[in-house]
């Protein structure tokens, strides 16, 4: 999806959420997928299409914001990122015994 803008300042990537939480790659994505049915693409998240956002994705990769292996990176709005963080924290707490 391309929303017609390349200004995703304030939007967060899965890598940024994983690293901020100190969790393994894929942790934020799993949390995101568990709530994806309640989210609206273009409002809550965007998928950077490799055909139309190649330059943006490359720039974000160089900045360390995306995993190098990302083919269709997902960026989350600040509100959605907060929900994902909350879910990641809750699942982290349930893993600790």
Protein backbone atom coordinates (compact mmCIF):
# COMPACT_ATOMS: atom_id res chain seq x y z
CA UNK A 1 0.00 0.00 0.00
CA UNK A 2 1.16 3.51 -0.66
CA UNK A 3 -0.68 6.32 1.05
CA UNK A 4 0.75 8.88 -1.36
CA UNK A 5 3.15 10.35 1.18
CA UNK A 6 6.65 9.48 2.17
CA UNK A 7 6.45 11.27 5.52
CA UNK A 8 6.32 8.52 8.07
CA UNK A 9 8.02 10.46 10.83
CA UNK A 10 6.44 9.34 14.05
CA UNK A 11 5.65 5.90 12.60
CA UNK A 12 7.63 2.99 14.01
CA UNK A 13 8.97 -0.16 12.43
CA UNK A 14 8.97 -3.67 13.83
CA UNK A 15 12.73 -3.47 14.26
CA UNK A 16 12.44 -0.32 16.34
CA UNK A 17 9.84 -1.95 18.59
CA UNK A 18 11.82 -5.19 18.94
CA UNK A 19 14.99 -3.32 19.84
CA UNK A 20 13.27 -0.92 22.25
CA UNK A 21 11.78 -3.89 24.09
CA UNK A 22 15.05 -5.83 23.99
CA UNK A 23 13.28 -8.74 22.32
CA UNK A 24 14.17 -10.99 19.42
CA UNK A 25 13.39 -10.17 15.80
CA UNK A 26 9.77 -11.03 15.07
CA UNK A 27 8.39 -10.24 18.53
CA UNK A 28 6.68 -7.02 17.45
CA UNK A 29 5.43 -8.60 14.23
CA UNK A 30 3.79 -11.48 16.13
CA UNK A 31 2.10 -9.00 18.47
CA UNK A 32 0.97 -6.93 15.47
CA UNK A 33 -0.41 -9.98 13.65
CA UNK A 34 -2.42 -11.00 16.72
CA UNK A 35 -4.33 -7.70 16.56
CA UNK A 36 -4.24 -7.08 12.80
CA UNK A 37 -7.93 -7.88 12.37
CA UNK A 38 -8.78 -4.83 14.47
CA UNK A 39 -6.52 -2.46 12.54
CA UNK A 40 -7.03 -0.38 9.42
CA UNK A 41 -4.30 -0.23 6.81
CA UNK A 42 -3.43 3.37 6.00
CA UNK A 43 -4.55 4.59 9.42
CA UNK A 44 -3.05 2.21 11.95
CA UNK A 45 -0.27 0.82 9.78
CA UNK A 46 1.24 1.02 6.32
CA UNK A 47 2.98 -1.62 4.26
CA UNK A 48 5.82 -0.20 2.19
CA UNK A 49 5.47 -1.66 -1.28
CA UNK A 50 8.89 -2.56 -2.66
CA UNK A 51 7.86 -1.25 -6.08
CA UNK A 52 6.76 2.21 -4.97
CA UNK A 53 8.69 2.83 -1.75
CA UNK A 54 12.05 1.28 -2.60
CA UNK A 55 13.97 4.51 -1.93
CA UNK A 56 12.24 5.13 1.37
CA UNK A 57 12.78 1.55 2.52
CA UNK A 58 16.45 1.68 1.51
CA UNK A 59 16.92 4.92 3.41
CA UNK A 60 15.21 3.52 6.50
CA UNK A 61 17.37 0.39 6.30
CA UNK A 62 20.54 2.49 6.19
CA UNK A 63 19.25 4.46 9.20
CA UNK A 64 18.85 1.17 11.09
CA UNK A 65 15.07 1.49 11.25
CA UNK A 66 14.28 -1.62 9.17
CA UNK A 67 15.65 -5.13 9.12
CA UNK A 68 17.81 -5.68 6.03
CA UNK A 69 15.75 -8.76 5.19
CA UNK A 70 12.44 -6.83 5.09
CA UNK A 71 10.67 -7.24 1.76
CA UNK A 72 7.43 -5.42 2.59
CA UNK A 73 8.17 -3.49 5.79
CA UNK A 74 5.27 -2.54 8.02
CA UNK A 75 5.23 0.82 9.82
CA UNK A 76 2.91 1.45 12.73
CA UNK A 77 1.26 4.70 13.75
CA UNK A 78 2.25 5.96 17.20
CA UNK A 79 -1.06 4.76 18.68
CA UNK A 80 -0.78 1.31 17.14
CA UNK A 81 2.87 1.04 18.18
CA UNK A 82 1.80 1.77 21.77
CA UNK A 83 -0.77 -1.03 21.57
CA UNK A 84 1.82 -3.43 20.16
CA UNK A 85 4.30 -2.44 22.89
CA UNK A 86 1.66 -3.10 25.52
CA UNK A 87 0.94 -6.53 24.08
CA UNK A 88 4.66 -7.32 23.86
CA UNK A 89 5.12 -6.33 27.51
CA UNK A 90 2.13 -8.43 28.58
CA UNK A 91 3.42 -11.48 26.72
CA UNK A 92 6.91 -10.95 28.13
CA UNK A 93 5.45 -10.94 31.64
CA UNK A 94 3.57 -14.16 30.98
CA UNK A 95 6.79 -15.84 29.79
CA UNK A 96 8.59 -15.06 33.06
CA UNK A 97 8.03 -17.61 35.79
